[in-house]
C-alpha atoms as a PDB file:
ATOM      1  CA  MET A   1      21.556   0.289   6.968  1.00  0.00           C
ATOM      2  CA  TRP A   2      18.081   0.721   8.598  1.00  0.00           C
ATOM      3  CA  SER A   3      18.462   2.223  11.914  1.00  0.00           C
ATOM      4  CA  ARG A   4      17.664  -0.347  15.044  1.00  0.00           C
ATOM      5  CA  GLY A   5      15.793   2.190  16.932  1.00  0.00           C
ATOM      6  CA  THR A   6      12.011   2.374  17.207  1.00  0.00           C
ATOM      7  CA  PRO A   7      10.845   4.046  14.297  1.00  0.00           C
ATOM      8  CA  ALA A   8       9.161   7.711  14.907  1.00  0.00           C
ATOM      9  CA  ASN A   9       5.851   6.317  13.286  1.00  0.00           C
ATOM     10  CA  PRO A  10       5.859   2.368  13.599  1.00  0.00           C
ATOM     11  CA  ALA A  11       2.879   1.893  11.353  1.00  0.00           C
ATOM     12  CA  ALA A  12       4.836   3.637   8.420  1.00  0.00           C
ATOM     13  CA  GLY A  13       8.155   1.638   9.354  1.00  0.00           C
ATOM     14  CA  ASP A  14       6.294  -1.429   9.404  1.00  0.00           C
ATOM     15  CA  ILE A  15       5.067  -1.478   5.536  1.00  0.00           C
ATOM     16  CA  THR A  16       8.093  -0.579   4.392  1.00  0.00           C
ATOM     17  CA  PRO A  17       8.887  -3.642   2.520  1.00  0.00           C
ATOM     18  CA  ALA A  18       5.399  -3.338   0.599  1.00  0.00           C
ATOM     19  CA  VAL A  19       6.140   0.009  -0.299  1.00  0.00           C
ATOM     20  CA  LEU A  20       9.646  -0.882  -1.618  1.00  0.00           C
ATOM     21  CA  ALA A  21       8.298  -3.598  -3.778  1.00  0.00           C
ATOM     22  CA  ILE A  22       5.892  -1.523  -5.686  1.00  0.00           C
ATOM     23  CA  GLY A  23       6.444  -2.152  -9.376  1.00  0.00           C
ATOM     24  CA  ARG A  24       8.284  -5.488  -8.674  1.00  0.00           C
ATOM     25  CA  SER A  25       6.743  -8.920  -9.707  1.00  0.00           C
ATOM     26  CA  ASP A  26       6.896 -10.211  -6.169  1.00  0.00           C
ATOM     27  CA  PHE A  27       4.614  -7.190  -4.985  1.00  0.00           C
ATOM     28  CA  PRO A  28       1.492  -9.666  -4.177  1.00  0.00           C
ATOM     29  CA  GLU A  29       3.793 -11.612  -2.025  1.00  0.00           C
ATOM     30  CA  VAL A  30       5.342  -8.879  -0.027  1.00  0.00           C
ATOM     31  CA  LEU A  31       2.215  -7.149   0.690  1.00  0.00           C
ATOM     32  CA  ILE A  32       0.448 -10.411   1.851  1.00  0.00           C
ATOM     33  CA  ASP A  33       3.368 -10.989   4.111  1.00  0.00           C
ATOM     34  CA  THR A  34       3.466  -7.501   5.564  1.00  0.00           C
ATOM     35  CA  LEU A  35      -0.255  -7.501   6.066  1.00  0.00           C
ATOM     36  CA  ARG A  36       0.318 -10.943   8.190  1.00  0.00           C
ATOM     37  CA  ARG A  37       2.980  -9.245  10.357  1.00  0.00           C
ATOM     38  CA  GLN A  38       0.710  -6.117  10.673  1.00  0.00           C
ATOM     39  CA  ALA A  39      -2.822  -7.840  11.607  1.00  0.00           C
ATOM     40  CA  ASP A  40      -2.503 -11.495  10.700  1.00  0.00           C
ATOM     41  CA  VAL A  41      -4.696 -11.055   7.176  1.00  0.00           C
ATOM     42  CA  GLY A  42      -5.409 -14.438   5.555  1.00  0.00           C
ATOM     43  CA  HIS A  43      -5.922 -13.241   2.334  1.00  0.00           C
ATOM     44  CA  CYS A  44      -5.819 -10.027   0.382  1.00  0.00           C
ATOM     45  CA  MET A  45      -7.871  -9.468  -2.768  1.00  0.00           C
ATOM     46  CA  VAL A  46      -7.718  -5.901  -4.799  1.00  0.00           C
ATOM     47  CA  PHE A  47     -10.243  -5.084  -7.524  1.00  0.00           C
ATOM     48  CA  ALA A  48     -10.276  -2.176 -10.022  1.00  0.00           C
ATOM     49  CA  LEU A  49     -13.814  -0.670 -10.450  1.00  0.00           C
ATOM     50  CA  SER A  50     -14.174   2.164 -13.193  1.00  0.00           C
ATOM     51  CA  ARG A  51     -17.040   4.723 -13.183  1.00  0.00           C
ATOM     52  CA  ALA A  52     -18.032   3.011 -16.505  1.00  0.00           C
ATOM     53  CA  GLY A  53     -18.779  -0.271 -14.752  1.00  0.00           C
ATOM     54  CA  ALA A  54     -15.919  -2.222 -15.744  1.00  0.00           C
ATOM     55  CA  VAL A  55     -14.202  -4.367 -13.059  1.00  0.00           C
ATOM     56  CA  ASP A  56     -11.275  -6.313 -12.673  1.00  0.00           C
ATOM     57  CA  CYS A  57      -9.681  -8.627  -9.971  1.00  0.00           C
ATOM     58  CA  LEU A  58      -5.957  -7.314  -9.846  1.00  0.00           C
ATOM     59  CA  LEU A  59      -4.469  -9.253  -7.042  1.00  0.00           C
ATOM     60  CA  ASP A  60      -5.516 -12.582  -5.296  1.00  0.00           C
ATOM     61  CA  ALA A  61      -2.814 -13.344  -2.717  1.00  0.00           C
ATOM     62  CA  GLY A  62      -3.087 -15.798   0.643  1.00  0.00           C
ATOM     63  CA  ASN A  63      -4.804 -18.799   2.330  1.00  0.00           C
ATOM     64  CA  ILE A  64      -8.133 -19.011   0.255  1.00  0.00           C
ATOM     65  CA  PRO A  65      -7.738 -21.895  -2.199  1.00  0.00           C
ATOM     66  CA  ILE A  66     -10.838 -20.557  -4.203  1.00  0.00           C
ATOM     67  CA  GLY A  67      -9.619 -17.182  -4.074  1.00  0.00           C
ATOM     68  CA  GLY A  68      -9.074 -16.917  -7.903  1.00  0.00           C
ATOM     69  CA  ASP A  69     -12.657 -18.240  -8.495  1.00  0.00           C
ATOM     70  CA  LEU A  70     -14.038 -15.860  -6.000  1.00  0.00           C
ATOM     71  CA  GLY A  71     -12.128 -13.026  -7.818  1.00  0.00           C
ATOM     72  CA  ALA A  72     -13.795 -13.908 -11.160  1.00  0.00           C
ATOM     73  CA  ALA A  73     -17.145 -14.241  -9.848  1.00  0.00           C
ATOM     74  CA  TYR A  74     -17.150 -10.860  -8.188  1.00  0.00           C
ATOM     75  CA  ALA A  75     -15.643  -9.113 -11.216  1.00  0.00           C
ATOM     76  CA  GLY A  76     -18.133 -10.961 -13.581  1.00  0.00           C
ATOM     77  CA  GLN A  77     -21.544 -10.133 -11.610  1.00  0.00           C
ATOM     78  CA  PHE A  78     -21.467  -9.940  -7.884  1.00  0.00           C
ATOM     79  CA  HIS A  79     -19.841  -6.617  -7.854  1.00  0.00           C
ATOM     80  CA  GLU A  80     -23.271  -5.527  -8.153  1.00  0.00           C
ATOM     81  CA  SER A  81     -24.505  -7.006  -5.236  1.00  0.00           C
ATOM     82  CA  ASP A  82     -21.799  -5.878  -2.772  1.00  0.00           C
ATOM     83  CA  PRO A  83     -23.047  -3.487   0.151  1.00  0.00           C
ATOM     84  CA  ASN A  84     -20.089  -1.552  -0.339  1.00  0.00           C
ATOM     85  CA  ARG A  85     -20.673  -0.428  -3.821  1.00  0.00           C
ATOM     86  CA  ASP A  86     -22.558   2.548  -3.083  1.00  0.00           C
ATOM     87  CA  VAL A  87     -20.013   3.697  -0.673  1.00  0.00           C
ATOM     88  CA  LEU A  88     -17.255   3.525  -3.352  1.00  0.00           C
ATOM     89  CA  PHE A  89     -18.957   5.196  -5.946  1.00  0.00           C
ATOM     90  CA  GLU A  90     -20.713   8.092  -4.071  1.00  0.00           C
ATOM     91  CA  THR A  91     -17.069   8.953  -2.578  1.00  0.00           C
ATOM     92  CA  GLU A  92     -15.549  11.970  -4.610  1.00  0.00           C
ATOM     93  CA  GLY A  93     -11.904  12.786  -4.899  1.00  0.00           C
ATOM     94  CA  GLY A  94      -9.001  10.706  -4.243  1.00  0.00           C
ATOM     95  CA  ALA A  95      -8.878  10.443  -0.459  1.00  0.00           C
ATOM     96  CA  PRO A  96      -8.522   7.067   1.060  1.00  0.00           C
ATOM     97  CA  ILE A  97     -12.025   5.236   2.119  1.00  0.00           C
ATOM     98  CA  MET A  98     -12.397   2.832   5.019  1.00  0.00           C
ATOM     99  CA  LEU A  99     -15.382   0.758   4.401  1.00  0.00           C
ATOM    100  CA  PRO A 100     -17.729  -0.247   7.082  1.00  0.00           C
ATOM    101  CA  SER A 101     -17.085  -3.005   9.563  1.00  0.00           C
ATOM    102  CA  PHE A 102     -18.292  -6.350   8.064  1.00  0.00           C
ATOM    103  CA  ALA A 103     -21.547  -7.769   9.140  1.00  0.00           C
ATOM    104  CA  PRO A 104     -23.137 -10.898   7.261  1.00  0.00           C
ATOM    105  CA  ARG A 105     -26.357  -9.284   7.553  1.00  0.00           C
ATOM    106  CA  MET A 106     -25.008  -6.906   5.063  1.00  0.00           C
ATOM    107  CA  TYR A 107     -25.037  -9.452   2.194  1.00  0.00           C
ATOM    108  CA  GLY A 108     -27.615 -11.010   0.176  1.00  0.00           C
ATOM    109  CA  ALA A 109     -28.036 -15.062   0.910  1.00  0.00           C
ATOM    110  CA  ARG A 110     -26.678 -16.075  -2.528  1.00  0.00           C
ATOM    111  CA  TYR A 111     -23.537 -13.738  -2.121  1.00  0.00           C
ATOM    112  CA  ARG A 112     -23.033 -14.603   1.254  1.00  0.00           C
ATOM    113  CA  LYS A 113     -23.142 -18.366   0.717  1.00  0.00           C
ATOM    114  CA  ILE A 114     -20.428 -18.149  -2.076  1.00  0.00           C
ATOM    115  CA  PHE A 115     -18.190 -15.538  -0.660  1.00  0.00           C
ATOM    116  CA  PHE A 116     -18.286 -16.466   2.766  1.00  0.00           C
ATOM    117  CA  LEU A 117     -19.890 -19.966   3.929  1.00  0.00           C
ATOM    118  CA  ASP A 118     -18.146 -21.883   0.941  1.00  0.00           C
ATOM    119  CA  SER A 119     -14.878 -20.026   1.022  1.00  0.00           C
ATOM    120  CA  GLY A 120     -14.385 -20.247   4.918  1.00  0.00           C
ATOM    121  CA  ILE A 121     -14.248 -16.291   5.337  1.00  0.00           C
ATOM    122  CA  VAL A 122     -15.259 -15.159   8.525  1.00  0.00           C
ATOM    123  CA  ASP A 123     -14.381 -11.520   8.882  1.00  0.00           C
ATOM    124  CA  LYS A 124     -12.829  -8.702   6.493  1.00  0.00           C
ATOM    125  CA  CYS A 125     -11.790  -5.370   6.349  1.00  0.00           C
ATOM    126  CA  ALA A 126     -11.289  -3.004   3.354  1.00  0.00           C
ATOM    127  CA  THR A 127      -9.889   0.236   1.896  1.00  0.00           C
ATOM    128  CA  ALA A 128     -10.372   1.917  -1.153  1.00  0.00           C
ATOM    129  CA  ILE A 129      -8.872   4.816  -3.068  1.00  0.00           C
ATOM    130  CA  TRP A 130      -9.815   6.553  -6.535  1.00  0.00           C
ATOM    131  CA  THR A 131      -7.337   7.830  -9.184  1.00  0.00           C
ATOM    132  CA  GLY A 132      -9.032   9.355 -11.598  1.00  0.00           C
ATOM    133  CA  ASP A 133     -11.833   6.882 -12.853  1.00  0.00           C
ATOM    134  CA  THR A 134     -10.462   3.860 -11.268  1.00  0.00           C
ATOM    135  CA  CYS A 135     -11.133   2.769  -7.685  1.00  0.00           C
ATOM    136  CA  PHE A 136      -8.464   0.316  -6.314  1.00  0.00           C
ATOM    137  CA  TYR A 137     -10.764  -1.892  -4.016  1.00  0.00           C
ATOM    138  CA  VAL A 138      -8.759  -3.593  -1.516  1.00  0.00           C
ATOM    139  CA  ASN A 139      -9.918  -6.257   0.930  1.00  0.00           C
ATOM    140  CA  PHE A 140      -8.179  -8.116   3.824  1.00  0.00           C
ATOM    141  CA  TYR A 141      -9.795 -11.333   4.935  1.00  0.00           C
ATOM    142  CA  ARG A 142      -9.708 -13.899   7.733  1.00  0.00           C
ATOM    143  CA  ILE A 143     -10.868 -17.915   7.429  1.00  0.00           C
ATOM    144  CA  THR A 144     -12.350 -19.825  10.114  1.00  0.00           C
ATOM    145  CA  ALA A 145      -9.037 -21.101  11.013  1.00  0.00           C
ATOM    146  CA  GLN A 146      -8.019 -17.638  12.120  1.00  0.00           C
ATOM    147  CA  GLY A 147     -11.265 -16.288  13.593  1.00  0.00           C
ATOM    148  CA  ARG A 148     -12.357 -12.863  13.411  1.00  0.00           C
ATOM    149  CA  PHE A 149     -10.032  -9.722  13.657  1.00  0.00           C
ATOM    150  CA  SER A 150      -9.342  -8.727  17.122  1.00  0.00           C
ATOM    151  CA  ASP A 151      -9.964  -4.861  17.870  1.00  0.00           C
ATOM    152  CA  ALA A 152      -6.323  -4.381  17.830  1.00  0.00           C
ATOM    153  CA  GLU A 153      -5.613  -5.575  14.549  1.00  0.00           C
ATOM    154  CA  ARG A 154      -8.687  -3.754  13.262  1.00  0.00           C
ATOM    155  CA  VAL A 155      -7.321  -0.376  14.519  1.00  0.00           C
ATOM    156  CA  ARG A 156      -3.948  -1.368  12.857  1.00  0.00           C
ATOM    157  CA  LEU A 157      -5.428  -2.191   9.635  1.00  0.00           C
ATOM    158  CA  GLN A 158      -7.376   1.194   9.851  1.00  0.00           C
ATOM    159  CA  THR A 159      -4.188   2.902  10.665  1.00  0.00           C
ATOM    160  CA  ILE A 160      -2.191   1.681   7.821  1.00  0.00           C
ATOM    161  CA  ALA A 161      -4.856   1.320   5.105  1.00  0.00           C
ATOM    162  CA  PRO A 162      -4.119   4.773   3.536  1.00  0.00           C
ATOM    163  CA  ALA A 163      -0.788   4.089   2.942  1.00  0.00           C
ATOM    164  CA  ILE A 164      -1.592   0.424   1.835  1.00  0.00           C
ATOM    165  CA  GLY A 165      -4.135   1.534  -0.671  1.00  0.00           C
ATOM    166  CA  ALA A 166      -1.666   4.100  -2.114  1.00  0.00           C
ATOM    167  CA  SER A 167       0.881   1.517  -2.378  1.00  0.00           C
ATOM    168  CA  VAL A 168      -1.548  -0.895  -4.274  1.00  0.00           C
ATOM    169  CA  ALA A 169      -2.698   1.645  -6.695  1.00  0.00           C
ATOM    170  CA  ARG A 170       0.864   2.898  -7.459  1.00  0.00           C
ATOM    171  CA  HIS A 171       1.950  -0.366  -7.966  1.00  0.00           C
ATOM    172  CA  PHE A 172      -0.902  -1.393 -10.525  1.00  0.00           C
ATOM    173  CA  GLN A 173      -0.114   2.112 -12.101  1.00  0.00           C
ATOM    174  CA  GLN A 174       3.651   1.352 -12.813  1.00  0.00           C
ATOM    175  CA  ALA A 175       4.878  -0.802 -15.285  1.00  0.00           C
ATOM    176  CA  SER A 176       5.968  -4.115 -14.198  1.00  0.00           C
ATOM    177  CA  THR A 177       9.565  -3.488 -14.961  1.00  0.00           C
ATOM    178  CA  ALA A 178       9.784  -0.553 -12.737  1.00  0.00           C
ATOM    179  CA  THR A 179      12.312  -0.436 -10.225  1.00  0.00           C
ATOM    180  CA  PRO A 180      11.893   0.845  -6.744  1.00  0.00           C
ATOM    181  CA  ASP A 181      14.813   3.416  -7.578  1.00  0.00           C
ATOM    182  CA  GLN A 182      12.515   4.430 -10.639  1.00  0.00           C
ATOM    183  CA  ASN A 183       9.481   4.752  -8.294  1.00  0.00           C
ATOM    184  CA  LEU A 184      11.231   6.958  -5.842  1.00  0.00           C
ATOM    185  CA  ALA A 185      13.140   8.961  -8.519  1.00  0.00           C
ATOM    186  CA  ALA A 186       9.621   9.822  -9.814  1.00  0.00           C
ATOM    187  CA  LEU A 187       8.242  10.909  -6.820  1.00  0.00           C
ATOM    188  CA  PHE A 188      11.271  13.016  -5.921  1.00  0.00           C
ATOM    189  CA  ALA A 189      11.496  14.910  -9.011  1.00  0.00           C
ATOM    190  CA  THR A 190       7.726  15.825  -8.879  1.00  0.00           C
ATOM    191  CA  ARG A 191       6.581  16.096  -5.245  1.00  0.00           C
ATOM    192  CA  ALA A 192       7.375  18.793  -2.941  1.00  0.00           C
ATOM    193  CA  PRO A 193       9.382  19.055  -0.458  1.00  0.00           C
ATOM    194  CA  LEU A 194      11.311  16.180  -2.114  1.00  0.00           C
ATOM    195  CA  SER A 195      11.345  17.943  -5.284  1.00  0.00           C
ATOM    196  CA  ALA A 196      13.096  21.017  -3.471  1.00  0.00           C
ATOM    197  CA  LEU A 197      16.332  18.815  -3.012  1.00  0.00           C
ATOM    198  CA  THR A 198      19.426  19.385  -5.307  1.00  0.00           C
ATOM    199  CA  PRO A 199      20.041  16.115  -7.422  1.00  0.00           C
ATOM    200  CA  ARG A 200      22.717  15.058  -5.467  1.00  0.00           C
ATOM    201  CA  GLU A 201      20.659  15.408  -2.045  1.00  0.00           C
ATOM    202  CA  GLN A 202      17.779  13.616  -3.882  1.00  0.00           C
ATOM    203  CA  GLU A 203      20.242  10.705  -4.904  1.00  0.00           C
ATOM    204  CA  VAL A 204      21.431  10.317  -1.540  1.00  0.00           C
ATOM    205  CA  CYS A 205      17.918  10.468  -0.061  1.00  0.00           C
ATOM    206  CA  ARG A 206      16.644   7.896  -2.545  1.00  0.00           C
ATOM    207  CA  ARG A 207      19.599   5.160  -1.515  1.00  0.00           C
ATOM    208  CA  ILE A 208      18.984   5.796   2.091  1.00  0.00           C
ATOM    209  CA  LEU A 209      15.168   4.803   1.403  1.00  0.00           C
ATOM    210  CA  LEU A 210      16.284   1.695  -0.149  1.00  0.00           C
ATOM    211  CA  GLY A 211      18.446   0.836   2.585  1.00  0.00           C
ATOM    212  CA  PHE A 212      22.189   1.606   1.576  1.00  0.00           C
ATOM    213  CA  SER A 213      24.806   2.310   4.379  1.00  0.00           C
ATOM    214  CA  SER A 214      26.413   5.656   4.140  1.00  0.00           C
ATOM    215  CA  GLU A 215      29.622   3.514   2.552  1.00  0.00           C
ATOM    216  CA  ALA A 216      27.496   1.958   0.015  1.00  0.00           C
ATOM    217  CA  ILE A 217      25.827   5.592  -1.033  1.00  0.00           C
ATOM    218  CA  SER A 218      29.404   6.847  -1.466  1.00  0.00           C
ATOM    219  CA  GLN A 219      30.579   3.961  -3.462  1.00  0.00           C
ATOM    220  CA  ALA A 220      27.351   3.975  -5.625  1.00  0.00           C
ATOM    221  CA  LEU A 221      27.869   7.417  -6.371  1.00  0.00           C
ATOM    222  CA  GLY A 222      31.472   7.817  -6.764  1.00  0.00           C
ATOM    223  CA  ILE A 223      32.044  10.178  -3.985  1.00  0.00           C
ATOM    224  CA  SER A 224      33.665  10.373  -0.496  1.00  0.00           C
ATOM    225  CA  LEU A 225      31.822   9.277   2.731  1.00  0.00           C
ATOM    226  CA  HIS A 226      32.371  12.746   4.138  1.00  0.00           C
ATOM    227  CA  SER A 227      30.286  14.222   1.114  1.00  0.00           C
ATOM    228  CA  THR A 228      27.741  11.683   1.423  1.00  0.00           C
ATOM    229  CA  LEU A 229      27.040  12.525   4.847  1.00  0.00           C
ATOM    230  CA  THR A 230      27.116  16.334   4.062  1.00  0.00           C
ATOM    231  CA  TYR A 231      24.619  15.780   1.438  1.00  0.00           C
ATOM    232  CA  ARG A 232      22.432  13.839   3.877  1.00  0.00           C
ATOM    233  CA  LYS A 233      22.418  16.568   6.507  1.00  0.00           C
ATOM    234  CA  ARG A 234      21.806  19.229   4.136  1.00  0.00           C
ATOM    235  CA  ALA A 235      18.694  17.460   2.955  1.00  0.00           C
ATOM    236  CA  TYR A 236      17.429  16.434   6.092  1.00  0.00           C
ATOM    237  CA  GLN A 237      17.656  20.295   7.013  1.00  0.00           C
ATOM    238  CA  ARG A 238      16.185  21.210   3.898  1.00  0.00           C
ATOM    239  CA  LEU A 239      12.858  18.597   5.000  1.00  0.00           C
ATOM    240  CA  GLY A 240      13.001  19.838   8.387  1.00  0.00           C
ATOM    241  CA  ILE A 241      13.793  16.138   9.893  1.00  0.00           C
ATOM    242  CA  SER A 242      16.542  14.491  11.491  1.00  0.00           C
ATOM    243  CA  SER A 243      16.205  10.810  10.688  1.00  0.00           C
ATOM    244  CA  GLN A 244      15.501   8.238   8.157  1.00  0.00           C
ATOM    245  CA  ASN A 245      12.403   7.147   9.469  1.00  0.00           C
ATOM    246  CA  GLU A 246      11.058  10.664   9.357  1.00  0.00           C
ATOM    247  CA  LEU A 247      12.248  10.631   5.629  1.00  0.00           C
ATOM    248  CA  PHE A 248      10.303   7.446   5.024  1.00  0.00           C
ATOM    249  CA  SER A 249       7.257   9.041   6.680  1.00  0.00           C
ATOM    250  CA  ILE A 250       7.301  11.879   4.275  1.00  0.00           C
ATOM    251  CA  VAL A 251       7.398   9.548   1.175  1.00  0.00           C
ATOM    252  CA  LEU A 252       4.434   7.729   2.518  1.00  0.00           C
ATOM    253  CA  ARG A 253       2.489  10.599   3.277  1.00  0.00           C
ATOM    254  CA  LEU A 254       3.173  11.664  -0.369  1.00  0.00           C
ATOM    255  CA  LEU A 255       2.219   8.321  -1.688  1.00  0.00           C
ATOM    256  CA  ALA A 256      -1.366   8.537   0.490  1.00  0.00           C
ATOM    257  CA  SER A 257      -2.282  11.667  -0.912  1.00  0.00           C
ATOM    258  CA  PRO A 258      -4.247  11.791  -4.160  1.00  0.00           C
ATOM    259  CA  ARG A 259      -1.560  13.854  -6.417  1.00  0.00           C
ATOM    260  CA  GLY A 260       0.745  11.184  -5.702  1.00  0.00           C
ATOM    261  CA  LEU A 261      -1.125   8.573  -7.612  1.00  0.00           C
ATOM    262  CA  ASN A 262      -1.782  10.833 -10.801  1.00  0.00           C
END
């Protein structure tokens, strides 16, 4: 089971549900629930922008009734009027991008009316990440009833944005039938330092990340509890860590790095 202690990296630990939902059909619901807990985000929309000019709305979840219409309008033509567009397309590589703070004056009159006045949006934060020729553009909104993001909430979003963006990108790169364990297995097989673990150490660590107790891991793998604890100890020693929170931090760091999304 997960430790009841305070995580070494609270921001990383708090987005655990969204990371584990990657590849699942309920990812949008888990993502918005996670964002609400973190910074009272009202609505989240994700767009995929290609360097060739194509734009798609991939995710629309939250408390804006006309969110679907806004997503279609943005993908259809209004992306060309987005003041953040130049920032997105001037960025090279796969480093996480945190977009400038929202200010109504950044937007043209028609854009401002449709996307903010008519919809009740009063504030937004946004992050993005490029994977190859595709930019995953993740937007976080607050509506009139919520008011604007506080300074603390904005800082919180900036802290978790790289891992959230990476999780969104990986989700939409995965087949919809992929399971969390399949996602973790791929990461353990290809990325250092996780790939340096023995196959059995990887199996134990993957199940730790999925929330299995030591007893449940033993039963699933058909080994003794003593063996499970030994494999866990050896894996932690190889990784230079001492807790599952540190193990999770390694996974989130790899997800947030460009190579983790190829």
